[in-house]
Amino acid sequence: MEHPYLFFVKIFELLGLGHFAHAYPHVVYSWVVMTILIVFGALAAKSVSIIPSKGQNFFEVIVMGIEDFMVDITGEEGRWLFPIIATVFIYILTCNLIGLVPGFFPPTASLNTTASCALTVVVFTHIIGIKYHGIKYIKHFTGPVWWMIPIIMPIEIIGHLARILSLSFRLFGNMMGHELVLIILFALAGLFFAPLPIMGLGIFVALVQAFVFFLLSIMYFTGAMEHAH
């Protein structure tokens, strides 16, 4: 079902790139989200001072809350993972919330976006495992004794592929479902009133889905760090 109106797709049409924008709205709005985050990040970094303002205090509380929550799970050893974890969480949350703005499309309502985020997390999980355990990390896939390799290895490979499917399809299904409901309500009831309860629920869904992706990512990273202990 095609979205009734997408603001930045119309802009791309004026630039002669309408075919691309209609085919890949998730790419267009991923660029929009990245631009928003870069601009706000630059403004936030520019306004940092020794005597914090109210805005700085607000963002520091959020950032420290995310970091403390992550460290409670991973331990102090995992503090260096905070930049990638926080980036994934903030990016996904912004992608989810931006779909609540009329004329905007949530990039996470596309499987391409969610799968790319899931692949990033799963690949980085193995990078962490190799960083902490070197070549011994392969024992995670082979089992404790050599004669169990034909049994353990297929199970482990399937399990790690399932992580990608789990992360990507859960987020995609929830965001696409919410987007379809909004489109149907906009078509049946117009632009006002009727969709508002669903949009309110959408804020809750956006927060929960971003947090679930964030929490599962931390658990995968922690598992890679603790392996072979």
C-alpha atoms as a PDB file:
ATOM      1  CA  MET A   1       0.000   0.000   0.000  1.00  0.00           C
ATOM      2  CA  GLU A   2       1.500   3.326  -1.071  1.00  0.00           C
ATOM      3  CA  HIS A   3       1.814   6.127   1.450  1.00  0.00           C
ATOM      4  CA  PRO A   4      -0.668   8.927   0.590  1.00  0.00           C
ATOM      5  CA  TYR A   5       1.890  11.751   0.819  1.00  0.00           C
ATOM      6  CA  LEU A   6       5.605  11.893   1.541  1.00  0.00           C
ATOM      7  CA  PHE A   7       7.125  15.350   1.824  1.00  0.00           C
ATOM      8  CA  PHE A   8      10.720  14.551   0.882  1.00  0.00           C
ATOM      9  CA  VAL A   9       9.621  12.272  -1.938  1.00  0.00           C
ATOM     10  CA  LYS A  10       7.869  15.292  -3.463  1.00  0.00           C
ATOM     11  CA  ILE A  11      11.087  17.282  -3.105  1.00  0.00           C
ATOM     12  CA  PHE A  12      13.000  14.542  -4.915  1.00  0.00           C
ATOM     13  CA  GLU A  13      10.372  14.647  -7.671  1.00  0.00           C
ATOM     14  CA  LEU A  14      11.083  18.346  -8.158  1.00  0.00           C
ATOM     15  CA  LEU A  15      14.779  17.492  -8.472  1.00  0.00           C
ATOM     16  CA  GLY A  16      14.038  14.892 -11.137  1.00  0.00           C
ATOM     17  CA  LEU A  17      14.675  11.942  -8.807  1.00  0.00           C
ATOM     18  CA  GLY A  18      11.062  10.941  -8.271  1.00  0.00           C
ATOM     19  CA  HIS A  19      11.509   7.380  -9.527  1.00  0.00           C
ATOM     20  CA  PHE A  20      14.294   6.704  -7.026  1.00  0.00           C
ATOM     21  CA  ALA A  21      12.379   8.342  -4.150  1.00  0.00           C
ATOM     22  CA  HIS A  22       9.210   6.350  -4.832  1.00  0.00           C
ATOM     23  CA  ALA A  23      11.157   3.095  -5.110  1.00  0.00           C
ATOM     24  CA  TYR A  24      13.311   3.666  -2.020  1.00  0.00           C
ATOM     25  CA  PRO A  25      11.533   6.007   0.443  1.00  0.00           C
ATOM     26  CA  HIS A  26      13.316   4.273   3.322  1.00  0.00           C
ATOM     27  CA  VAL A  27      16.673   5.383   1.876  1.00  0.00           C
ATOM     28  CA  VAL A  28      15.479   8.966   1.472  1.00  0.00           C
ATOM     29  CA  TYR A  29      14.193   9.141   5.021  1.00  0.00           C
ATOM     30  CA  SER A  30      17.269   7.387   6.375  1.00  0.00           C
ATOM     31  CA  TRP A  31      19.227  10.313   4.942  1.00  0.00           C
ATOM     32  CA  VAL A  32      16.768  12.673   6.624  1.00  0.00           C
ATOM     33  CA  VAL A  33      17.237  10.937   9.983  1.00  0.00           C
ATOM     34  CA  MET A  34      21.031  10.961   9.634  1.00  0.00           C
ATOM     35  CA  THR A  35      20.944  14.675   8.789  1.00  0.00           C
ATOM     36  CA  ILE A  36      18.767  15.415  11.812  1.00  0.00           C
ATOM     37  CA  LEU A  37      21.049  13.465  14.153  1.00  0.00           C
ATOM     38  CA  ILE A  38      24.218  15.060  12.743  1.00  0.00           C
ATOM     39  CA  VAL A  39      22.776  18.576  13.064  1.00  0.00           C
ATOM     40  CA  PHE A  40      21.489  18.042  16.594  1.00  0.00           C
ATOM     41  CA  GLY A  41      24.719  16.314  17.591  1.00  0.00           C
ATOM     42  CA  ALA A  42      26.769  19.240  16.276  1.00  0.00           C
ATOM     43  CA  LEU A  43      24.561  21.757  18.067  1.00  0.00           C
ATOM     44  CA  ALA A  44      24.693  19.763  21.310  1.00  0.00           C
ATOM     45  CA  ALA A  45      28.493  19.478  21.149  1.00  0.00           C
ATOM     46  CA  LYS A  46      28.816  23.183  20.400  1.00  0.00           C
ATOM     47  CA  SER A  47      26.765  24.214  23.426  1.00  0.00           C
ATOM     48  CA  VAL A  48      28.600  21.999  25.962  1.00  0.00           C
ATOM     49  CA  SER A  49      29.973  24.040  28.842  1.00  0.00           C
ATOM     50  CA  ILE A  50      31.376  23.531  32.332  1.00  0.00           C
ATOM     51  CA  ILE A  51      28.233  25.127  33.749  1.00  0.00           C
ATOM     52  CA  PRO A  52      25.538  23.068  32.006  1.00  0.00           C
ATOM     53  CA  SER A  53      22.320  24.589  30.753  1.00  0.00           C
ATOM     54  CA  LYS A  54      18.926  22.975  31.258  1.00  0.00           C
ATOM     55  CA  GLY A  55      19.141  21.367  27.832  1.00  0.00           C
ATOM     56  CA  GLN A  56      22.613  20.010  28.534  1.00  0.00           C
ATOM     57  CA  ASN A  57      21.449  18.622  31.871  1.00  0.00           C
ATOM     58  CA  PHE A  58      18.529  16.910  30.149  1.00  0.00           C
ATOM     59  CA  PHE A  59      20.664  15.211  27.511  1.00  0.00           C
ATOM     60  CA  GLU A  60      23.349  14.271  30.033  1.00  0.00           C
ATOM     61  CA  VAL A  61      20.744  12.490  32.149  1.00  0.00           C
ATOM     62  CA  ILE A  62      19.543  10.519  29.091  1.00  0.00           C
ATOM     63  CA  VAL A  63      23.058   9.614  27.921  1.00  0.00           C
ATOM     64  CA  MET A  64      24.233   8.657  31.405  1.00  0.00           C
ATOM     65  CA  GLY A  65      21.078   6.613  31.932  1.00  0.00           C
ATOM     66  CA  ILE A  66      21.706   4.633  28.744  1.00  0.00           C
ATOM     67  CA  GLU A  67      25.368   4.133  29.651  1.00  0.00           C
ATOM     68  CA  ASP A  68      24.667   3.065  33.241  1.00  0.00           C
ATOM     69  CA  PHE A  69      22.017   0.599  32.076  1.00  0.00           C
ATOM     70  CA  MET A  70      24.447  -0.918  29.588  1.00  0.00           C
ATOM     71  CA  VAL A  71      27.291  -1.146  32.127  1.00  0.00           C
ATOM     72  CA  ASP A  72      24.973  -2.881  34.615  1.00  0.00           C
ATOM     73  CA  ILE A  73      24.615  -5.701  32.068  1.00  0.00           C
ATOM     74  CA  THR A  74      28.073  -5.832  30.478  1.00  0.00           C
ATOM     75  CA  GLY A  75      30.147  -4.705  33.455  1.00  0.00           C
ATOM     76  CA  GLU A  76      32.820  -2.016  33.327  1.00  0.00           C
ATOM     77  CA  GLU A  77      34.640  -3.997  30.637  1.00  0.00           C
ATOM     78  CA  GLY A  78      31.831  -3.209  28.210  1.00  0.00           C
ATOM     79  CA  ARG A  79      31.850   0.559  28.665  1.00  0.00           C
ATOM     80  CA  TRP A  80      33.819   1.000  25.426  1.00  0.00           C
ATOM     81  CA  LEU A  81      30.828  -0.414  23.537  1.00  0.00           C
ATOM     82  CA  PHE A  82      28.653   2.515  24.561  1.00  0.00           C
ATOM     83  CA  PRO A  83      29.163   4.626  21.373  1.00  0.00           C
ATOM     84  CA  ILE A  84      27.891   1.926  18.990  1.00  0.00           C
ATOM     85  CA  ILE A  85      25.084   0.817  21.318  1.00  0.00           C
ATOM     86  CA  ALA A  86      23.895   4.385  21.892  1.00  0.00           C
ATOM     87  CA  THR A  87      24.128   5.172  18.173  1.00  0.00           C
ATOM     88  CA  VAL A  88      22.024   2.146  17.244  1.00  0.00           C
ATOM     89  CA  PHE A  89      19.425   2.978  19.906  1.00  0.00           C
ATOM     90  CA  ILE A  90      19.143   6.683  19.033  1.00  0.00           C
ATOM     91  CA  TYR A  91      19.079   5.989  15.283  1.00  0.00           C
ATOM     92  CA  ILE A  92      16.341   3.353  15.537  1.00  0.00           C
ATOM     93  CA  LEU A  93      14.295   5.439  17.982  1.00  0.00           C
ATOM     94  CA  THR A  94      14.482   8.477  15.683  1.00  0.00           C
ATOM     95  CA  CYS A  95      13.559   6.351  12.655  1.00  0.00           C
ATOM     96  CA  ASN A  96      10.562   4.999  14.564  1.00  0.00           C
ATOM     97  CA  LEU A  97       9.346   8.368  15.836  1.00  0.00           C
ATOM     98  CA  ILE A  98       9.776  10.231  12.566  1.00  0.00           C
ATOM     99  CA  GLY A  99       6.985   8.160  11.053  1.00  0.00           C
ATOM    100  CA  LEU A 100       4.511   9.853  13.409  1.00  0.00           C
ATOM    101  CA  VAL A 101       5.074  13.171  11.621  1.00  0.00           C
ATOM    102  CA  PRO A 102       2.589  13.632   8.738  1.00  0.00           C
ATOM    103  CA  GLY A 103       4.409  13.426   5.428  1.00  0.00           C
ATOM    104  CA  PHE A 104       7.299  11.401   6.836  1.00  0.00           C
ATOM    105  CA  PHE A 105       8.065   7.699   6.436  1.00  0.00           C
ATOM    106  CA  PRO A 106       9.773   5.618   9.162  1.00  0.00           C
ATOM    107  CA  PRO A 107      12.853   3.946   7.618  1.00  0.00           C
ATOM    108  CA  THR A 108      12.397   1.058  10.060  1.00  0.00           C
ATOM    109  CA  ALA A 109       9.147   0.189   8.281  1.00  0.00           C
ATOM    110  CA  SER A 110      11.401  -1.259   5.556  1.00  0.00           C
ATOM    111  CA  LEU A 111      13.065  -4.640   5.989  1.00  0.00           C
ATOM    112  CA  ASN A 112      16.166  -3.289   4.247  1.00  0.00           C
ATOM    113  CA  THR A 113      16.770  -0.800   7.069  1.00  0.00           C
ATOM    114  CA  THR A 114      16.110  -3.211   9.929  1.00  0.00           C
ATOM    115  CA  ALA A 115      18.185  -5.966   8.308  1.00  0.00           C
ATOM    116  CA  SER A 116      21.133  -3.599   7.866  1.00  0.00           C
ATOM    117  CA  CYS A 117      20.965  -2.645  11.561  1.00  0.00           C
ATOM    118  CA  ALA A 118      20.710  -6.322  12.552  1.00  0.00           C
ATOM    119  CA  LEU A 119      23.666  -7.280  10.353  1.00  0.00           C
ATOM    120  CA  THR A 120      25.744  -4.497  11.893  1.00  0.00           C
ATOM    121  CA  VAL A 121      25.010  -5.763  15.412  1.00  0.00           C
ATOM    122  CA  VAL A 122      25.611  -9.458  14.625  1.00  0.00           C
ATOM    123  CA  VAL A 123      28.832  -8.851  12.680  1.00  0.00           C
ATOM    124  CA  PHE A 124      30.141  -6.596  15.453  1.00  0.00           C
ATOM    125  CA  THR A 125      29.262  -9.329  17.957  1.00  0.00           C
ATOM    126  CA  HIS A 126      31.775 -11.635  16.270  1.00  0.00           C
ATOM    127  CA  ILE A 127      34.351  -8.844  16.082  1.00  0.00           C
ATOM    128  CA  ILE A 128      34.025  -8.503  19.859  1.00  0.00           C
ATOM    129  CA  GLY A 129      34.388 -12.264  20.294  1.00  0.00           C
ATOM    130  CA  ILE A 130      37.575 -12.332  18.221  1.00  0.00           C
ATOM    131  CA  LYS A 131      38.926  -9.262  20.025  1.00  0.00           C
ATOM    132  CA  TYR A 132      38.506 -10.892  23.447  1.00  0.00           C
ATOM    133  CA  HIS A 133      39.294 -14.526  22.658  1.00  0.00           C
ATOM    134  CA  GLY A 134      41.260 -14.568  19.422  1.00  0.00           C
ATOM    135  CA  ILE A 135      41.178 -17.808  17.447  1.00  0.00           C
ATOM    136  CA  LYS A 136      39.682 -19.601  20.458  1.00  0.00           C
ATOM    137  CA  TYR A 137      36.400 -17.859  19.684  1.00  0.00           C
ATOM    138  CA  ILE A 138      35.785 -20.532  17.046  1.00  0.00           C
ATOM    139  CA  LYS A 139      35.166 -22.984  19.889  1.00  0.00           C
ATOM    140  CA  HIS A 140      31.823 -21.257  20.261  1.00  0.00           C
ATOM    141  CA  PHE A 141      30.830 -22.943  16.995  1.00  0.00           C
ATOM    142  CA  THR A 142      32.603 -26.273  17.417  1.00  0.00           C
ATOM    143  CA  GLY A 143      31.667 -27.292  20.942  1.00  0.00           C
ATOM    144  CA  PRO A 144      33.875 -28.606  23.762  1.00  0.00           C
ATOM    145  CA  VAL A 145      35.028 -31.783  21.945  1.00  0.00           C
ATOM    146  CA  TRP A 146      35.881 -32.400  18.294  1.00  0.00           C
ATOM    147  CA  TRP A 147      33.399 -35.212  17.696  1.00  0.00           C
ATOM    148  CA  MET A 148      30.487 -32.859  18.515  1.00  0.00           C
ATOM    149  CA  ILE A 149      31.363 -30.463  15.666  1.00  0.00           C
ATOM    150  CA  PRO A 150      28.852 -31.986  13.164  1.00  0.00           C
ATOM    151  CA  ILE A 151      26.085 -31.437  15.736  1.00  0.00           C
ATOM    152  CA  ILE A 152      27.075 -28.155  17.403  1.00  0.00           C
ATOM    153  CA  MET A 153      28.248 -26.193  14.362  1.00  0.00           C
ATOM    154  CA  PRO A 154      24.980 -26.331  12.342  1.00  0.00           C
ATOM    155  CA  ILE A 155      22.996 -25.430  15.471  1.00  0.00           C
ATOM    156  CA  GLU A 156      25.246 -22.449  16.253  1.00  0.00           C
ATOM    157  CA  ILE A 157      25.190 -21.190  12.653  1.00  0.00           C
ATOM    158  CA  ILE A 158      21.398 -21.426  12.540  1.00  0.00           C
ATOM    159  CA  GLY A 159      21.203 -19.690  15.919  1.00  0.00           C
ATOM    160  CA  HIS A 160      23.317 -16.751  14.768  1.00  0.00           C
ATOM    161  CA  LEU A 161      21.355 -16.420  11.523  1.00  0.00           C
ATOM    162  CA  ALA A 162      18.180 -16.470  13.614  1.00  0.00           C
ATOM    163  CA  ARG A 163      19.500 -13.455  15.515  1.00  0.00           C
ATOM    164  CA  ILE A 164      19.505 -11.468  12.291  1.00  0.00           C
ATOM    165  CA  LEU A 165      15.983 -12.591  11.445  1.00  0.00           C
ATOM    166  CA  SER A 166      14.750 -11.935  14.972  1.00  0.00           C
ATOM    167  CA  LEU A 167      16.166  -8.416  15.210  1.00  0.00           C
ATOM    168  CA  SER A 168      15.130  -7.348  11.726  1.00  0.00           C
ATOM    169  CA  PHE A 169      11.659  -8.915  11.404  1.00  0.00           C
ATOM    170  CA  ARG A 170      10.498  -7.935  14.905  1.00  0.00           C
ATOM    171  CA  LEU A 171      11.274  -4.262  14.343  1.00  0.00           C
ATOM    172  CA  PHE A 172      10.096  -4.260  10.731  1.00  0.00           C
ATOM    173  CA  GLY A 173       6.811  -6.044  11.505  1.00  0.00           C
ATOM    174  CA  ASN A 174       5.832  -3.708  14.312  1.00  0.00           C
ATOM    175  CA  MET A 175       6.698  -0.499  12.490  1.00  0.00           C
ATOM    176  CA  MET A 176       5.182  -1.566   9.175  1.00  0.00           C
ATOM    177  CA  GLY A 177       2.013  -2.717  10.948  1.00  0.00           C
ATOM    178  CA  HIS A 178       1.660   0.631  12.691  1.00  0.00           C
ATOM    179  CA  GLU A 179       2.329   2.488   9.433  1.00  0.00           C
ATOM    180  CA  LEU A 180      -0.344   0.501   7.577  1.00  0.00           C
ATOM    181  CA  VAL A 181      -2.900   1.200  10.308  1.00  0.00           C
ATOM    182  CA  LEU A 182      -2.159   4.924  10.102  1.00  0.00           C
ATOM    183  CA  ILE A 183      -2.466   4.909   6.300  1.00  0.00           C
ATOM    184  CA  ILE A 184      -5.830   3.159   6.488  1.00  0.00           C
ATOM    185  CA  LEU A 185      -7.123   5.585   9.141  1.00  0.00           C
ATOM    186  CA  PHE A 186      -5.904   8.592   7.168  1.00  0.00           C
ATOM    187  CA  ALA A 187      -7.709   7.248   4.097  1.00  0.00           C
ATOM    188  CA  LEU A 188     -10.959   6.554   5.947  1.00  0.00           C
ATOM    189  CA  ALA A 189     -11.112   9.404   8.473  1.00  0.00           C
ATOM    190  CA  GLY A 190      -9.000  12.182   7.036  1.00  0.00           C
ATOM    191  CA  LEU A 191      -5.992  13.862   8.571  1.00  0.00           C
ATOM    192  CA  PHE A 192      -7.396  14.659  12.009  1.00  0.00           C
ATOM    193  CA  PHE A 193      -8.796  13.141  15.191  1.00  0.00           C
ATOM    194  CA  ALA A 194      -9.318   9.455  14.301  1.00  0.00           C
ATOM    195  CA  PRO A 195      -5.600   8.596  13.852  1.00  0.00           C
ATOM    196  CA  LEU A 196      -4.553  10.442  17.023  1.00  0.00           C
ATOM    197  CA  PRO A 197      -5.035   7.486  19.452  1.00  0.00           C
ATOM    198  CA  ILE A 198      -3.040   5.241  17.122  1.00  0.00           C
ATOM    199  CA  MET A 199      -0.316   7.891  16.859  1.00  0.00           C
ATOM    200  CA  GLY A 200      -0.194   8.084  20.648  1.00  0.00           C
ATOM    201  CA  LEU A 201       0.183   4.321  20.800  1.00  0.00           C
ATOM    202  CA  GLY A 202       2.846   4.639  18.110  1.00  0.00           C
ATOM    203  CA  ILE A 203       5.078   6.625  20.471  1.00  0.00           C
ATOM    204  CA  PHE A 204       4.942   3.753  22.950  1.00  0.00           C
ATOM    205  CA  VAL A 205       5.626   1.188  20.206  1.00  0.00           C
ATOM    206  CA  ALA A 206       8.561   3.245  18.902  1.00  0.00           C
ATOM    207  CA  LEU A 207      10.149   3.405  22.353  1.00  0.00           C
ATOM    208  CA  VAL A 208       9.578  -0.269  23.133  1.00  0.00           C
ATOM    209  CA  GLN A 209      10.912  -1.531  19.809  1.00  0.00           C
ATOM    210  CA  ALA A 210      14.030   0.640  20.009  1.00  0.00           C
ATOM    211  CA  PHE A 211      14.628  -0.541  23.576  1.00  0.00           C
ATOM    212  CA  VAL A 212      14.161  -4.224  22.650  1.00  0.00           C
ATOM    213  CA  PHE A 213      16.681  -3.897  19.807  1.00  0.00           C
ATOM    214  CA  PHE A 214      19.032  -2.063  22.176  1.00  0.00           C
ATOM    215  CA  LEU A 215      18.680  -4.678  24.937  1.00  0.00           C
ATOM    216  CA  LEU A 216      19.163  -7.675  22.635  1.00  0.00           C
ATOM    217  CA  SER A 217      22.247  -6.035  21.115  1.00  0.00           C
ATOM    218  CA  ILE A 218      23.763  -5.604  24.577  1.00  0.00           C
ATOM    219  CA  MET A 219      23.035  -9.242  25.411  1.00  0.00           C
ATOM    220  CA  TYR A 220      24.704 -10.453  22.200  1.00  0.00           C
ATOM    221  CA  PHE A 221      27.768  -8.281  22.859  1.00  0.00           C
ATOM    222  CA  THR A 222      27.975  -9.485  26.462  1.00  0.00           C
ATOM    223  CA  GLY A 223      27.734 -13.121  25.355  1.00  0.00           C
ATOM    224  CA  ALA A 224      30.631 -12.634  22.962  1.00  0.00           C
ATOM    225  CA  MET A 225      32.720 -11.018  25.693  1.00  0.00           C
ATOM    226  CA  GLU A 226      32.040 -13.738  28.275  1.00  0.00           C
ATOM    227  CA  HIS A 227      32.461 -16.711  25.961  1.00  0.00           C
ATOM    228  CA  ALA A 228      35.017 -19.352  26.969  1.00  0.00           C
ATOM    229  CA  HIS A 229      35.159 -18.247  30.609  1.00  0.00           C
END
